[in-house]
């Protein structure tokens, strides 16, 4: 486990009067999206190498999965473990975890973790076997579609009263009358979803299905953002701002 030292140990001769950040601080911002790794494999989603004689801080990190993008309630990542590594060792307190702590695209919680000289920082996603206790049962749900639906051979977008539980690949039972049918969700584009309807349905029709709360993740994304600056304690001001 990597111990993080106080930020005050990183010296700079010039500090901002408002935020106390060194005036020569520069940003780093690394991110990527990749297929979810197989069990036992890992993928580096973000990486930054701190130059020699420089100090820095990790200010933000964020996570993304295709399951979460389809349904924001998909916080668990049962087949993916996340970790932030400093020189290939877990950076405390961000030890391996299996959920989305800071979702990409939202205001992530700000942090200030000091990065030591020449440190290599990595955001890792590792493929794991889903935990037995994470396999939650399927939960039934139902909602309505306010507008009428006309049968057709092509996919059409419909806007339900609620998208909760609806994701790509979901099988939905539409209607409770003689026009009852089962459709497969092709895609979800909030606030709508796309499917092919082979029967006509009146406005206000009921749709229902089963919601698997632990959808397998097939794509992952990660981002690291922070700042770094020359440490005046090394005494070589020639390198400032390189």
Protein backbone atom coordinates (compact mmCIF):
# COMPACT_ATOMS: atom_id res chain seq x y z
CA UNK A 1 0.00 0.00 0.00
CA UNK A 2 1.36 3.40 -0.96
CA UNK A 3 1.36 6.08 1.75
CA UNK A 4 0.53 9.62 0.64
CA UNK A 5 2.62 12.44 2.14
CA UNK A 6 1.27 15.93 2.98
CA UNK A 7 1.09 18.39 0.12
CA UNK A 8 3.06 20.89 2.21
CA UNK A 9 6.24 18.85 1.66
CA UNK A 10 6.26 19.95 -2.00
CA UNK A 11 8.06 23.29 -2.00
CA UNK A 12 7.72 26.09 -4.52
CA UNK A 13 9.09 29.60 -4.16
CA UNK A 14 5.97 31.21 -5.68
CA UNK A 15 2.42 30.36 -4.59
CA UNK A 16 -0.94 31.72 -5.65
CA UNK A 17 -2.23 34.08 -2.94
CA UNK A 18 -5.78 32.72 -3.36
CA UNK A 19 -5.40 28.96 -3.70
CA UNK A 20 -1.79 28.41 -2.47
CA UNK A 21 -1.06 26.38 -5.60
CA UNK A 22 2.41 26.95 -7.16
CA UNK A 23 2.25 29.52 -9.95
CA UNK A 24 4.17 27.25 -12.33
CA UNK A 25 1.74 24.32 -11.83
CA UNK A 26 0.67 22.57 -15.03
CA UNK A 27 -2.30 20.27 -15.61
CA UNK A 28 -2.31 16.63 -16.67
CA UNK A 29 -5.45 14.97 -18.01
CA UNK A 30 -5.39 11.35 -19.21
CA UNK A 31 -8.38 9.21 -20.22
CA UNK A 32 -9.52 6.36 -22.48
CA UNK A 33 -12.35 3.90 -23.14
CA UNK A 34 -11.66 0.21 -23.77
CA UNK A 35 -13.37 -3.20 -23.87
CA UNK A 36 -13.83 -4.65 -20.40
CA UNK A 37 -10.88 -6.96 -19.61
CA UNK A 38 -11.29 -10.72 -19.39
CA UNK A 39 -10.99 -12.43 -16.00
CA UNK A 40 -7.41 -12.03 -14.74
CA UNK A 41 -6.48 -9.42 -17.38
CA UNK A 42 -6.24 -5.68 -16.88
CA UNK A 43 -6.40 -2.52 -18.96
CA UNK A 44 -4.74 0.83 -18.21
CA UNK A 45 -7.40 3.48 -18.73
CA UNK A 46 -5.33 6.53 -17.72
CA UNK A 47 -1.63 7.05 -17.04
CA UNK A 48 0.70 9.90 -16.07
CA UNK A 49 4.45 9.88 -15.36
CA UNK A 50 5.58 12.63 -13.00
CA UNK A 51 8.93 14.12 -14.20
CA UNK A 52 12.03 13.91 -12.02
CA UNK A 53 12.35 16.78 -9.52
CA UNK A 54 8.64 17.56 -9.80
CA UNK A 55 5.82 17.26 -7.25
CA UNK A 56 2.14 16.94 -8.07
CA UNK A 57 -1.37 16.21 -6.87
CA UNK A 58 -4.17 14.00 -8.15
CA UNK A 59 -7.28 16.19 -8.09
CA UNK A 60 -9.98 14.14 -9.85
CA UNK A 61 -10.71 10.69 -11.20
CA UNK A 62 -13.83 9.44 -12.96
CA UNK A 63 -15.27 6.13 -14.18
CA UNK A 64 -17.54 5.03 -17.02
CA UNK A 65 -19.16 1.76 -18.13
CA UNK A 66 -21.56 0.97 -20.95
CA UNK A 67 -24.00 -0.53 -18.43
CA UNK A 68 -24.05 2.70 -16.41
CA UNK A 69 -24.39 4.82 -19.57
CA UNK A 70 -27.48 2.79 -20.52
CA UNK A 71 -28.96 2.89 -17.02
CA UNK A 72 -27.56 5.28 -14.35
CA UNK A 73 -28.76 2.87 -11.67
CA UNK A 74 -26.11 0.35 -12.80
CA UNK A 75 -23.55 1.45 -10.20
CA UNK A 76 -22.17 -2.01 -9.46
CA UNK A 77 -19.48 -3.44 -11.76
CA UNK A 78 -19.65 -7.13 -10.84
CA UNK A 79 -17.09 -8.31 -13.43
CA UNK A 80 -14.69 -5.32 -13.17
CA UNK A 81 -12.44 -4.23 -10.30
CA UNK A 82 -11.01 -0.69 -10.27
CA UNK A 83 -7.78 0.58 -8.70
CA UNK A 84 -5.44 3.57 -8.83
CA UNK A 85 -1.78 2.54 -8.75
CA UNK A 86 1.32 4.52 -7.83
CA UNK A 87 4.43 2.78 -9.20
CA UNK A 88 2.30 -0.39 -9.59
CA UNK A 89 1.20 -0.33 -5.94
CA UNK A 90 -2.35 0.53 -4.77
CA UNK A 91 -2.69 4.21 -3.88
CA UNK A 92 -4.38 4.45 -0.48
CA UNK A 93 -7.32 4.96 0.01
CA UNK A 94 -8.22 3.92 -3.55
CA UNK A 95 -7.74 0.21 -3.11
CA UNK A 96 -9.56 -2.17 -5.50
CA UNK A 97 -13.33 -1.61 -5.57
CA UNK A 98 -16.26 -2.85 -7.69
CA UNK A 99 -18.63 0.05 -8.19
CA UNK A 100 -18.71 3.49 -9.80
CA UNK A 101 -17.58 5.99 -7.16
CA UNK A 102 -17.11 9.01 -9.46
CA UNK A 103 -19.23 8.78 -12.64
CA UNK A 104 -17.78 10.30 -15.82
CA UNK A 105 -19.68 13.33 -17.07
CA UNK A 106 -20.79 14.47 -13.64
CA UNK A 107 -19.08 16.72 -11.09
CA UNK A 108 -16.63 14.28 -9.53
CA UNK A 109 -15.63 14.73 -5.91
CA UNK A 110 -12.43 16.74 -5.69
CA UNK A 111 -9.46 15.12 -3.99
CA UNK A 112 -5.88 16.21 -3.23
CA UNK A 113 -3.45 13.28 -3.12
CA UNK A 114 0.23 14.10 -3.29
CA UNK A 115 2.27 12.45 -6.05
CA UNK A 116 5.91 11.75 -5.26
CA UNK A 117 8.82 12.59 -7.55
CA UNK A 118 9.07 10.37 -10.67
CA UNK A 119 5.86 8.55 -9.71
CA UNK A 120 3.93 6.68 -12.41
CA UNK A 121 0.19 7.01 -11.80
CA UNK A 122 -2.21 4.53 -13.44
CA UNK A 123 -5.96 3.97 -13.38
CA UNK A 124 -6.57 0.24 -13.83
CA UNK A 125 -9.63 -1.87 -14.64
CA UNK A 126 -9.19 -5.59 -13.97
CA UNK A 127 -11.49 -8.42 -15.03
CA UNK A 128 -12.77 -10.50 -12.10
CA UNK A 129 -15.29 -13.25 -11.47
CA UNK A 130 -18.59 -11.75 -10.27
CA UNK A 131 -19.00 -12.18 -6.52
CA UNK A 132 -21.71 -14.60 -5.49
CA UNK A 133 -23.25 -11.98 -3.20
CA UNK A 134 -23.41 -9.45 -6.05
CA UNK A 135 -25.78 -11.58 -8.14
CA UNK A 136 -29.01 -9.88 -7.15
CA UNK A 137 -32.30 -11.40 -8.34
CA UNK A 138 -34.19 -9.95 -11.26
CA UNK A 139 -36.69 -7.35 -10.15
CA UNK A 140 -40.04 -6.94 -11.97
CA UNK A 141 -40.94 -3.43 -13.11
CA UNK A 142 -43.68 -1.76 -15.12
CA UNK A 143 -44.41 1.64 -16.60
CA UNK A 144 -46.58 3.14 -19.33
CA UNK A 145 -46.14 4.72 -22.76
CA UNK A 146 -48.25 7.91 -22.95
CA UNK A 147 -48.41 8.02 -26.78
CA UNK A 148 -50.03 5.53 -29.14
CA UNK A 149 -47.78 3.14 -31.10
CA UNK A 150 -48.32 2.16 -34.73
CA UNK A 151 -46.99 -1.20 -35.88
CA UNK A 152 -44.09 -1.16 -38.35
CA UNK A 153 -41.17 -3.17 -39.68
CA UNK A 154 -38.56 -0.58 -38.65
CA UNK A 155 -37.37 0.35 -35.15
CA UNK A 156 -39.10 3.36 -33.65
CA UNK A 157 -38.36 5.53 -30.64
CA UNK A 158 -40.92 5.66 -27.87
CA UNK A 159 -40.83 7.67 -24.65
CA UNK A 160 -42.05 5.75 -21.57
CA UNK A 161 -43.15 7.38 -18.34
CA UNK A 162 -39.97 5.97 -16.78
CA UNK A 163 -36.80 4.39 -18.19
CA UNK A 164 -35.88 2.65 -14.93
CA UNK A 165 -35.01 -0.97 -15.65
CA UNK A 166 -35.03 -0.54 -19.44
CA UNK A 167 -31.70 -1.13 -21.14
CA UNK A 168 -30.34 -2.45 -24.43
CA UNK A 169 -31.31 -6.10 -24.82
CA UNK A 170 -34.22 -5.92 -22.36
CA UNK A 171 -37.32 -7.91 -23.27
CA UNK A 172 -40.48 -5.93 -22.60
CA UNK A 173 -44.05 -7.15 -22.49
CA UNK A 174 -46.20 -4.51 -24.16
CA UNK A 175 -49.96 -4.24 -23.57
CA UNK A 176 -52.34 -6.46 -21.64
CA UNK A 177 -55.05 -6.74 -24.31
CA UNK A 178 -55.29 -8.96 -27.38
CA UNK A 179 -52.48 -6.86 -28.89
CA UNK A 180 -50.06 -8.04 -26.23
CA UNK A 181 -46.53 -8.68 -27.55
CA UNK A 182 -42.92 -9.02 -26.38
CA UNK A 183 -40.35 -6.65 -27.88
CA UNK A 184 -36.58 -6.45 -27.51
CA UNK A 185 -35.00 -3.08 -26.74
CA UNK A 186 -32.48 -2.25 -29.47
CA UNK A 187 -31.02 0.83 -27.82
CA UNK A 188 -31.69 3.38 -25.11
CA UNK A 189 -31.47 7.10 -25.90
CA UNK A 190 -32.84 8.89 -22.82
CA UNK A 191 -35.67 9.68 -22.44
CA UNK A 192 -36.57 7.14 -25.15
CA UNK A 193 -35.80 3.59 -26.23
CA UNK A 194 -35.90 1.95 -29.65
CA UNK A 195 -37.72 -1.28 -30.55
CA UNK A 196 -39.71 -2.88 -33.35
CA UNK A 197 -43.43 -3.09 -32.63
CA UNK A 198 -45.44 -5.57 -34.69
CA UNK A 199 -48.82 -4.57 -33.25
CA UNK A 200 -50.70 -1.33 -32.65
CA UNK A 201 -50.99 -0.05 -29.09
CA UNK A 202 -53.21 2.63 -27.59
CA UNK A 203 -51.88 5.61 -25.64
CA UNK A 204 -51.21 4.80 -22.00
CA UNK A 205 -50.38 1.15 -22.71
CA UNK A 206 -48.54 -0.72 -19.95
CA UNK A 207 -45.07 -2.21 -20.50
CA UNK A 208 -43.34 -4.52 -18.04
CA UNK A 209 -40.18 -6.57 -17.72
CA UNK A 210 -37.50 -7.92 -15.40
CA UNK A 211 -34.60 -5.73 -14.31
CA UNK A 212 -31.25 -7.43 -13.65
CA UNK A 213 -29.50 -5.03 -11.24
CA UNK A 214 -26.04 -6.48 -11.95
CA UNK A 215 -25.70 -6.11 -15.71
CA UNK A 216 -22.34 -7.32 -16.99
CA UNK A 217 -19.99 -4.54 -18.05
CA UNK A 218 -18.57 -4.86 -21.58
CA UNK A 219 -16.86 -1.45 -21.94
CA UNK A 220 -15.00 0.65 -19.38
CA UNK A 221 -13.56 4.14 -19.24
CA UNK A 222 -11.38 6.05 -16.80
CA UNK A 223 -9.89 9.52 -16.36
CA UNK A 224 -7.21 11.08 -14.14
CA UNK A 225 -6.81 14.84 -13.73
CA UNK A 226 -4.27 16.72 -11.62
CA UNK A 227 -1.45 19.25 -11.50
CA UNK A 228 2.33 19.11 -11.17
CA UNK A 229 5.15 21.62 -10.67
CA UNK A 230 8.89 21.88 -10.12
CA UNK A 231 9.93 21.33 -6.48
CA UNK A 232 12.21 24.20 -5.43
CA UNK A 233 13.70 21.98 -2.73
CA UNK A 234 15.88 20.45 -5.47
CA UNK A 235 17.48 23.88 -5.93
CA UNK A 236 17.67 23.84 -9.75
CA UNK A 237 15.45 26.72 -10.82
CA UNK A 238 16.58 26.33 -14.43
CA UNK A 239 14.06 23.51 -14.85
CA UNK A 240 11.06 25.52 -13.62
CA UNK A 241 8.09 25.35 -15.97
CA UNK A 242 9.63 22.86 -18.41
